[in-house]
Amino acid sequence: LIVALGESAANTILNSTEPIENLRNNNLNYNGL
């Protein structure tokens, strides 16, 4: 598991611009993790 703390960290990992409301509570994947 990877835990992204905050919108900026998540968007950097995912190369996106989504608000945290859209990122939380989703089944997200990064390189198979």
PDB file of all heavy atoms in Angstrom:
ATOM      1  N   LEU A   1       0.826  -1.199   0.000  1.00  0.00           N
ATOM      2  CA  LEU A   1       0.000   0.000   0.000  1.00  0.00           C
ATOM      3  C   LEU A   1       0.865   1.256   0.000  1.00  0.00           C
ATOM      4  O   LEU A   1       1.923   1.289   0.624  1.00  0.00           O
ATOM      5  CB  LEU A   1      -0.863  -0.014   1.268  1.00  0.00           C
ATOM      6  CG  LEU A   1      -1.621   1.228   1.658  1.00  0.00           C
ATOM      7  CD1 LEU A   1      -2.756   1.469   0.681  1.00  0.00           C
ATOM      8  CD2 LEU A   1      -2.155   1.097   3.063  1.00  0.00           C
ATOM      9  N   ILE A   2       0.380   2.272  -0.679  1.00  0.00           N
ATOM     10  CA  ILE A   2       0.938   3.621  -0.585  1.00  0.00           C
ATOM     11  C   ILE A   2      -0.153   4.500   0.007  1.00  0.00           C
ATOM     12  O   ILE A   2      -1.299   4.455  -0.440  1.00  0.00           O
ATOM     13  CB  ILE A   2       1.356   4.168  -1.965  1.00  0.00           C
ATOM     14  CG1 ILE A   2       2.468   3.323  -2.572  1.00  0.00           C
ATOM     15  CG2 ILE A   2       1.784   5.637  -1.854  1.00  0.00           C
ATOM     16  CD1 ILE A   2       2.785   3.682  -4.008  1.00  0.00           C
ATOM     17  N   VAL A   3       0.192   5.279   1.021  1.00  0.00           N
ATOM     18  CA  VAL A   3      -0.753   6.233   1.611  1.00  0.00           C
ATOM     19  C   VAL A   3      -0.257   7.629   1.245  1.00  0.00           C
ATOM     20  O   VAL A   3       0.831   8.023   1.637  1.00  0.00           O
ATOM     21  CB  VAL A   3      -0.842   6.078   3.143  1.00  0.00           C
ATOM     22  CG1 VAL A   3      -1.804   7.110   3.721  1.00  0.00           C
ATOM     23  CG2 VAL A   3      -1.274   4.666   3.513  1.00  0.00           C
ATOM     24  N   ALA A   4      -1.054   8.336   0.470  1.00  0.00           N
ATOM     25  CA  ALA A   4      -0.728   9.697   0.078  1.00  0.00           C
ATOM     26  C   ALA A   4      -1.396  10.647   1.066  1.00  0.00           C
ATOM     27  O   ALA A   4      -2.618  10.639   1.224  1.00  0.00           O
ATOM     28  CB  ALA A   4      -1.205   9.988  -1.337  1.00  0.00           C
ATOM     29  N   LEU A   5      -0.577  11.448   1.733  1.00  0.00           N
ATOM     30  CA  LEU A   5      -1.095  12.409   2.706  1.00  0.00           C
ATOM     31  C   LEU A   5      -1.296  13.749   2.011  1.00  0.00           C
ATOM     32  O   LEU A   5      -0.379  14.530   1.843  1.00  0.00           O
ATOM     33  CB  LEU A   5      -0.137  12.552   3.888  1.00  0.00           C
ATOM     34  CG  LEU A   5       0.105  11.283   4.696  1.00  0.00           C
ATOM     35  CD1 LEU A   5       1.112  11.550   5.800  1.00  0.00           C
ATOM     36  CD2 LEU A   5      -1.194  10.761   5.274  1.00  0.00           C
ATOM     37  N   GLY A   6      -2.513  13.992   1.594  1.00  0.00           N
ATOM     38  CA  GLY A   6      -2.865  15.271   0.996  1.00  0.00           C
ATOM     39  C   GLY A   6      -3.049  15.211  -0.502  1.00  0.00           C
ATOM     40  O   GLY A   6      -2.585  14.305  -1.197  1.00  0.00           O
ATOM     41  N   GLU A   7      -3.747  16.209  -0.970  1.00  0.00           N
ATOM     42  CA  GLU A   7      -4.076  16.337  -2.385  1.00  0.00           C
ATOM     43  C   GLU A   7      -2.826  16.479  -3.247  1.00  0.00           C
ATOM     44  O   GLU A   7      -2.725  15.857  -4.312  1.00  0.00           O
ATOM     45  CB  GLU A   7      -4.992  17.552  -2.556  1.00  0.00           C
ATOM     46  CG  GLU A   7      -5.486  17.806  -3.945  1.00  0.00           C
ATOM     47  CD  GLU A   7      -6.401  19.006  -3.973  1.00  0.00           C
ATOM     48  OE1 GLU A   7      -7.526  18.908  -3.438  1.00  0.00           O
ATOM     49  OE2 GLU A   7      -5.988  20.040  -4.524  1.00  0.00           O
ATOM     50  N   SER A   8      -1.869  17.282  -2.801  1.00  0.00           N
ATOM     51  CA  SER A   8      -0.650  17.502  -3.594  1.00  0.00           C
ATOM     52  C   SER A   8       0.134  16.211  -3.781  1.00  0.00           C
ATOM     53  O   SER A   8       0.585  15.904  -4.887  1.00  0.00           O
ATOM     54  CB  SER A   8       0.244  18.551  -2.937  1.00  0.00           C
ATOM     55  OG  SER A   8      -0.402  19.795  -2.911  1.00  0.00           O
ATOM     56  N   ALA A   9       0.296  15.453  -2.703  1.00  0.00           N
ATOM     57  CA  ALA A   9       1.032  14.190  -2.798  1.00  0.00           C
ATOM     58  C   ALA A   9       0.316  13.228  -3.742  1.00  0.00           C
ATOM     59  O   ALA A   9       0.946  12.597  -4.594  1.00  0.00           O
ATOM     60  CB  ALA A   9       1.186  13.569  -1.414  1.00  0.00           C
ATOM     61  N   ALA A  10      -0.978  13.112  -3.585  1.00  0.00           N
ATOM     62  CA  ALA A  10      -1.746  12.197  -4.430  1.00  0.00           C
ATOM     63  C   ALA A  10      -1.669  12.603  -5.891  1.00  0.00           C
ATOM     64  O   ALA A  10      -1.461  11.767  -6.773  1.00  0.00           O
ATOM     65  CB  ALA A  10      -3.195  12.158  -3.965  1.00  0.00           C
ATOM     66  N   ASN A  11      -1.823  13.887  -6.159  1.00  0.00           N
ATOM     67  CA  ASN A  11      -1.789  14.348  -7.545  1.00  0.00           C
ATOM     68  C   ASN A  11      -0.402  14.221  -8.163  1.00  0.00           C
ATOM     69  O   ASN A  11      -0.279  13.970  -9.354  1.00  0.00           O
ATOM     70  CB  ASN A  11      -2.307  15.781  -7.647  1.00  0.00           C
ATOM     71  CG  ASN A  11      -3.817  15.815  -7.622  1.00  0.00           C
ATOM     72  OD1 ASN A  11      -4.475  14.950  -8.179  1.00  0.00           O
ATOM     73  ND2 ASN A  11      -4.374  16.808  -6.969  1.00  0.00           N
ATOM     74  N   THR A  12       0.628  14.355  -7.361  1.00  0.00           N
ATOM     75  CA  THR A  12       1.989  14.144  -7.870  1.00  0.00           C
ATOM     76  C   THR A  12       2.178  12.681  -8.249  1.00  0.00           C
ATOM     77  O   THR A  12       2.696  12.370  -9.325  1.00  0.00           O
ATOM     78  CB  THR A  12       3.034  14.571  -6.825  1.00  0.00           C
ATOM     79  OG1 THR A  12       2.868  15.962  -6.568  1.00  0.00           O
ATOM     80  CG2 THR A  12       4.443  14.309  -7.315  1.00  0.00           C
ATOM     81  N   ILE A  13       1.761  11.785  -7.382  1.00  0.00           N
ATOM     82  CA  ILE A  13       1.890  10.354  -7.661  1.00  0.00           C
ATOM     83  C   ILE A  13       1.073   9.961  -8.892  1.00  0.00           C
ATOM     84  O   ILE A  13       1.550   9.218  -9.752  1.00  0.00           O
ATOM     85  CB  ILE A  13       1.437   9.526  -6.438  1.00  0.00           C
ATOM     86  CG1 ILE A  13       2.433   9.712  -5.285  1.00  0.00           C
ATOM     87  CG2 ILE A  13       1.297   8.042  -6.788  1.00  0.00           C
ATOM     88  CD1 ILE A  13       1.946   9.168  -3.958  1.00  0.00           C
ATOM     89  N   LEU A  14      -0.144  10.462  -8.975  1.00  0.00           N
ATOM     90  CA  LEU A  14      -1.056  10.073 -10.050  1.00  0.00           C
ATOM     91  C   LEU A  14      -0.944  10.940 -11.299  1.00  0.00           C
ATOM     92  O   LEU A  14      -1.611  10.651 -12.295  1.00  0.00           O
ATOM     93  CB  LEU A  14      -2.503  10.123  -9.535  1.00  0.00           C
ATOM     94  CG  LEU A  14      -2.837   9.144  -8.419  1.00  0.00           C
ATOM     95  CD1 LEU A  14      -4.201   9.468  -7.824  1.00  0.00           C
ATOM     96  CD2 LEU A  14      -2.788   7.711  -8.945  1.00  0.00           C
ATOM     97  N   ASN A  15      -0.143  11.991 -11.226  1.00  0.00           N
ATOM     98  CA  ASN A  15      -0.012  12.938 -12.336  1.00  0.00           C
ATOM     99  C   ASN A  15      -1.402  13.452 -12.754  1.00  0.00           C
ATOM    100  O   ASN A  15      -1.798  13.369 -13.905  1.00  0.00           O
ATOM    101  CB  ASN A  15       0.715  12.301 -13.518  1.00  0.00           C
ATOM    102  CG  ASN A  15       1.145  13.342 -14.540  1.00  0.00           C
ATOM    103  OD1 ASN A  15       1.366  14.494 -14.195  1.00  0.00           O
ATOM    104  ND2 ASN A  15       1.240  12.939 -15.787  1.00  0.00           N
ATOM    105  N   SER A  16      -2.133  13.964 -11.756  1.00  0.00           N
ATOM    106  CA  SER A  16      -3.486  14.459 -12.002  1.00  0.00           C
ATOM    107  C   SER A  16      -3.673  15.802 -11.319  1.00  0.00           C
ATOM    108  O   SER A  16      -2.749  16.327 -10.698  1.00  0.00           O
ATOM    109  CB  SER A  16      -4.511  13.454 -11.495  1.00  0.00           C
ATOM    110  OG  SER A  16      -4.563  13.447 -10.085  1.00  0.00           O
ATOM    111  N   THR A  17      -4.865  16.329 -11.432  1.00  0.00           N
ATOM    112  CA  THR A  17      -5.210  17.596 -10.782  1.00  0.00           C
ATOM    113  C   THR A  17      -6.542  17.487 -10.041  1.00  0.00           C
ATOM    114  O   THR A  17      -7.239  18.475  -9.854  1.00  0.00           O
ATOM    115  CB  THR A  17      -5.297  18.741 -11.816  1.00  0.00           C
ATOM    116  OG1 THR A  17      -6.271  18.392 -12.810  1.00  0.00           O
ATOM    117  CG2 THR A  17      -3.955  19.005 -12.472  1.00  0.00           C
ATOM    118  N   GLU A  18      -6.877  16.294  -9.623  1.00  0.00           N
ATOM    119  CA  GLU A  18      -8.160  16.047  -8.960  1.00  0.00           C
ATOM    120  C   GLU A  18      -8.190  16.653  -7.556  1.00  0.00           C
ATOM    121  O   GLU A  18      -7.190  16.620  -6.846  1.00  0.00           O
ATOM    122  CB  GLU A  18      -8.411  14.543  -8.843  1.00  0.00           C
ATOM    123  CG  GLU A  18      -8.675  13.851 -10.152  1.00  0.00           C
ATOM    124  CD  GLU A  18     -10.012  14.234 -10.751  1.00  0.00           C
ATOM    125  OE1 GLU A  18     -10.990  14.458 -10.009  1.00  0.00           O
ATOM    126  OE2 GLU A  18     -10.069  14.325 -11.989  1.00  0.00           O
ATOM    127  N   PRO A  19      -9.341  17.148  -7.132  1.00  0.00           N
ATOM    128  CA  PRO A  19      -9.473  17.590  -5.739  1.00  0.00           C
ATOM    129  C   PRO A  19      -9.499  16.379  -4.812  1.00  0.00           C
ATOM    130  O   PRO A  19      -9.878  15.267  -5.218  1.00  0.00           O
ATOM    131  CB  PRO A  19     -10.805  18.338  -5.718  1.00  0.00           C
ATOM    132  CG  PRO A  19     -11.555  17.824  -6.885  1.00  0.00           C
ATOM    133  CD  PRO A  19     -10.537  17.406  -7.913  1.00  0.00           C
ATOM    134  N   ILE A  20      -9.118  16.593  -3.574  1.00  0.00           N
ATOM    135  CA  ILE A  20      -9.037  15.482  -2.625  1.00  0.00           C
ATOM    136  C   ILE A  20     -10.389  14.795  -2.443  1.00  0.00           C
ATOM    137  O   ILE A  20     -10.448  13.582  -2.204  1.00  0.00           O
ATOM    138  CB  ILE A  20      -8.435  15.930  -1.276  1.00  0.00           C
ATOM    139  CG1 ILE A  20      -8.007  14.703  -0.465  1.00  0.00           C
ATOM    140  CG2 ILE A  20      -9.389  16.832  -0.518  1.00  0.00           C
ATOM    141  CD1 ILE A  20      -7.053  14.992   0.651  1.00  0.00           C
ATOM    142  N   GLU A  21     -11.468  15.537  -2.595  1.00  0.00           N
ATOM    143  CA  GLU A  21     -12.804  14.940  -2.464  1.00  0.00           C
ATOM    144  C   GLU A  21     -13.019  13.824  -3.487  1.00  0.00           C
ATOM    145  O   GLU A  21     -13.752  12.866  -3.232  1.00  0.00           O
ATOM    146  CB  GLU A  21     -13.899  16.008  -2.621  1.00  0.00           C
ATOM    147  CG  GLU A  21     -13.917  17.042  -1.525  1.00  0.00           C
ATOM    148  CD  GLU A  21     -12.887  18.166  -1.732  1.00  0.00           C
ATOM    149  OE1 GLU A  21     -12.320  18.274  -2.837  1.00  0.00           O
ATOM    150  OE2 GLU A  21     -12.648  18.909  -0.773  1.00  0.00           O
ATOM    151  N   ASN A  22     -12.404  13.947  -4.659  1.00  0.00           N
ATOM    152  CA  ASN A  22     -12.530  12.919  -5.696  1.00  0.00           C
ATOM    153  C   ASN A  22     -11.521  11.792  -5.511  1.00  0.00           C
ATOM    154  O   ASN A  22     -11.689  10.723  -6.090  1.00  0.00           O
ATOM    155  CB  ASN A  22     -12.337  13.518  -7.084  1.00  0.00           C
ATOM    156  CG  ASN A  22     -13.426  14.501  -7.447  1.00  0.00           C
ATOM    157  OD1 ASN A  22     -14.439  14.610  -6.774  1.00  0.00           O
ATOM    158  ND2 ASN A  22     -13.212  15.233  -8.520  1.00  0.00           N
ATOM    159  N   LEU A  23     -10.470  12.037  -4.757  1.00  0.00           N
ATOM    160  CA  LEU A  23      -9.414  11.044  -4.581  1.00  0.00           C
ATOM    161  C   LEU A  23      -9.672  10.119  -3.392  1.00  0.00           C
ATOM    162  O   LEU A  23      -9.318   8.940  -3.436  1.00  0.00           O
ATOM    163  CB  LEU A  23      -8.066  11.753  -4.404  1.00  0.00           C
ATOM    164  CG  LEU A  23      -7.592  12.565  -5.608  1.00  0.00           C
ATOM    165  CD1 LEU A  23      -6.407  13.436  -5.216  1.00  0.00           C
ATOM    166  CD2 LEU A  23      -7.221  11.644  -6.757  1.00  0.00           C
ATOM    167  N   ARG A  24     -10.262  10.649  -2.342  1.00  0.00           N
ATOM    168  CA  ARG A  24     -10.542   9.837  -1.156  1.00  0.00           C
ATOM    169  C   ARG A  24     -11.625   8.812  -1.472  1.00  0.00           C
ATOM    170  O   ARG A  24     -12.447   9.003  -2.347  1.00  0.00           O
ATOM    171  CB  ARG A  24     -11.043  10.711  -0.005  1.00  0.00           C
ATOM    172  CG  ARG A  24      -9.984  11.530   0.675  1.00  0.00           C
ATOM    173  CD  ARG A  24     -10.506  12.242   1.915  1.00  0.00           C
ATOM    174  NE  ARG A  24     -10.911  11.275   2.925  1.00  0.00           N
ATOM    175  CZ  ARG A  24     -12.181  10.994   3.217  1.00  0.00           C
ATOM    176  NH1 ARG A  24     -13.175  11.618   2.627  1.00  0.00           N
ATOM    177  NH2 ARG A  24     -12.464  10.093   4.147  1.00  0.00           N
ATOM    178  N   ASN A  25     -11.610   7.727  -0.725  1.00  0.00           N
ATOM    179  CA  ASN A  25     -12.632   6.675  -0.822  1.00  0.00           C
ATOM    180  C   ASN A  25     -12.738   6.061  -2.212  1.00  0.00           C
ATOM    181  O   ASN A  25     -13.820   5.686  -2.652  1.00  0.00           O
ATOM    182  CB  ASN A  25     -14.006   7.197  -0.381  1.00  0.00           C
ATOM    183  CG  ASN A  25     -14.017   7.616   1.062  1.00  0.00           C
ATOM    184  OD1 ASN A  25     -13.433   6.954   1.907  1.00  0.00           O
ATOM    185  ND2 ASN A  25     -14.655   8.728   1.348  1.00  0.00           N
ATOM    186  N   ASN A  26     -11.623   5.982  -2.902  1.00  0.00           N
ATOM    187  CA  ASN A  26     -11.578   5.352  -4.210  1.00  0.00           C
ATOM    188  C   ASN A  26     -10.538   4.249  -4.205  1.00  0.00           C
ATOM    189  O   ASN A  26      -9.545   4.324  -3.493  1.00  0.00           O
ATOM    190  CB  ASN A  26     -11.212   6.363  -5.305  1.00  0.00           C
ATOM    191  CG  ASN A  26     -12.381   7.221  -5.695  1.00  0.00           C
ATOM    192  OD1 ASN A  26     -13.455   6.708  -5.990  1.00  0.00           O
ATOM    193  ND2 ASN A  26     -12.195   8.524  -5.688  1.00  0.00           N
ATOM    194  N   ASN A  27     -10.767   3.244  -5.015  1.00  0.00           N
ATOM    195  CA  ASN A  27      -9.777   2.193  -5.202  1.00  0.00           C
ATOM    196  C   ASN A  27      -8.778   2.674  -6.236  1.00  0.00           C
ATOM    197  O   ASN A  27      -8.993   2.526  -7.436  1.00  0.00           O
ATOM    198  CB  ASN A  27     -10.448   0.893  -5.667  1.00  0.00           C
ATOM    199  CG  ASN A  27     -11.353   0.313  -4.620  1.00  0.00           C
ATOM    200  OD1 ASN A  27     -11.043   0.376  -3.432  1.00  0.00           O
ATOM    201  ND2 ASN A  27     -12.467  -0.252  -5.033  1.00  0.00           N
ATOM    202  N   LEU A  28      -7.698   3.264  -5.765  1.00  0.00           N
ATOM    203  CA  LEU A  28      -6.677   3.797  -6.659  1.00  0.00           C
ATOM    204  C   LEU A  28      -5.495   2.843  -6.705  1.00  0.00           C
ATOM    205  O   LEU A  28      -5.264   2.062  -5.780  1.00  0.00           O
ATOM    206  CB  LEU A  28      -6.229   5.182  -6.175  1.00  0.00           C
ATOM    207  CG  LEU A  28      -7.331   6.234  -6.088  1.00  0.00           C
ATOM    208  CD1 LEU A  28      -6.812   7.484  -5.409  1.00  0.00           C
ATOM    209  CD2 LEU A  28      -7.869   6.559  -7.467  1.00  0.00           C
ATOM    210  N   ASN A  29      -4.736   2.935  -7.791  1.00  0.00           N
ATOM    211  CA  ASN A  29      -3.617   2.030  -8.005  1.00  0.00           C
ATOM    212  C   ASN A  29      -2.451   2.829  -8.558  1.00  0.00           C
ATOM    213  O   ASN A  29      -2.629   3.708  -9.392  1.00  0.00           O
ATOM    214  CB  ASN A  29      -4.055   0.955  -8.995  1.00  0.00           C
ATOM    215  CG  ASN A  29      -3.017  -0.108  -9.181  1.00  0.00           C
ATOM    216  OD1 ASN A  29      -1.975   0.144  -9.769  1.00  0.00           O
ATOM    217  ND2 ASN A  29      -3.299  -1.295  -8.690  1.00  0.00           N
ATOM    218  N   TYR A  30      -1.266   2.510  -8.070  1.00  0.00           N
ATOM    219  CA  TYR A  30      -0.045   3.118  -8.610  1.00  0.00           C
ATOM    220  C   TYR A  30       0.978   2.011  -8.817  1.00  0.00           C
ATOM    221  O   TYR A  30       1.423   1.379  -7.856  1.00  0.00           O
ATOM    222  CB  TYR A  30       0.507   4.185  -7.660  1.00  0.00           C
ATOM    223  CG  TYR A  30       1.807   4.758  -8.138  1.00  0.00           C
ATOM    224  CD1 TYR A  30       1.838   5.640  -9.208  1.00  0.00           C
ATOM    225  CD2 TYR A  30       3.002   4.392  -7.548  1.00  0.00           C
ATOM    226  CE1 TYR A  30       3.033   6.160  -9.666  1.00  0.00           C
ATOM    227  CE2 TYR A  30       4.206   4.913  -8.004  1.00  0.00           C
ATOM    228  CZ  TYR A  30       4.209   5.792  -9.065  1.00  0.00           C
ATOM    229  OH  TYR A  30       5.387   6.295  -9.522  1.00  0.00           O
ATOM    230  N   ASN A  31       1.298   1.747 -10.054  1.00  0.00           N
ATOM    231  CA  ASN A  31       2.271   0.704 -10.412  1.00  0.00           C
ATOM    232  C   ASN A  31       1.971  -0.633  -9.741  1.00  0.00           C
ATOM    233  O   ASN A  31       2.851  -1.303  -9.216  1.00  0.00           O
ATOM    234  CB  ASN A  31       3.698   1.141 -10.077  1.00  0.00           C
ATOM    235  CG  ASN A  31       4.201   2.217 -11.011  1.00  0.00           C
ATOM    236  OD1 ASN A  31       3.629   2.454 -12.065  1.00  0.00           O
ATOM    237  ND2 ASN A  31       5.270   2.871 -10.624  1.00  0.00           N
ATOM    238  N   GLY A  32       0.699  -1.004  -9.699  1.00  0.00           N
ATOM    239  CA  GLY A  32       0.305  -2.280  -9.135  1.00  0.00           C
ATOM    240  C   GLY A  32       0.105  -2.293  -7.633  1.00  0.00           C
ATOM    241  O   GLY A  32      -0.229  -3.328  -7.066  1.00  0.00           O
ATOM    242  N   LEU A  33       0.308  -1.171  -6.987  1.00  0.00           N
ATOM    243  CA  LEU A  33       0.111  -1.074  -5.535  1.00  0.00           C
ATOM    244  C   LEU A  33      -1.165  -0.291  -5.250  1.00  0.00           C
ATOM    245  O   LEU A  33      -1.493   0.667  -5.943  1.00  0.00           O
ATOM    246  CB  LEU A  33       1.285  -0.360  -4.867  1.00  0.00           C
ATOM    247  CG  LEU A  33       2.628  -1.051  -4.942  1.00  0.00           C
ATOM    248  CD1 LEU A  33       3.713  -0.127  -4.417  1.00  0.00           C
ATOM    249  CD2 LEU A  33       2.604  -2.342  -4.153  1.00  0.00           C
TER     250      LEU A  33
END
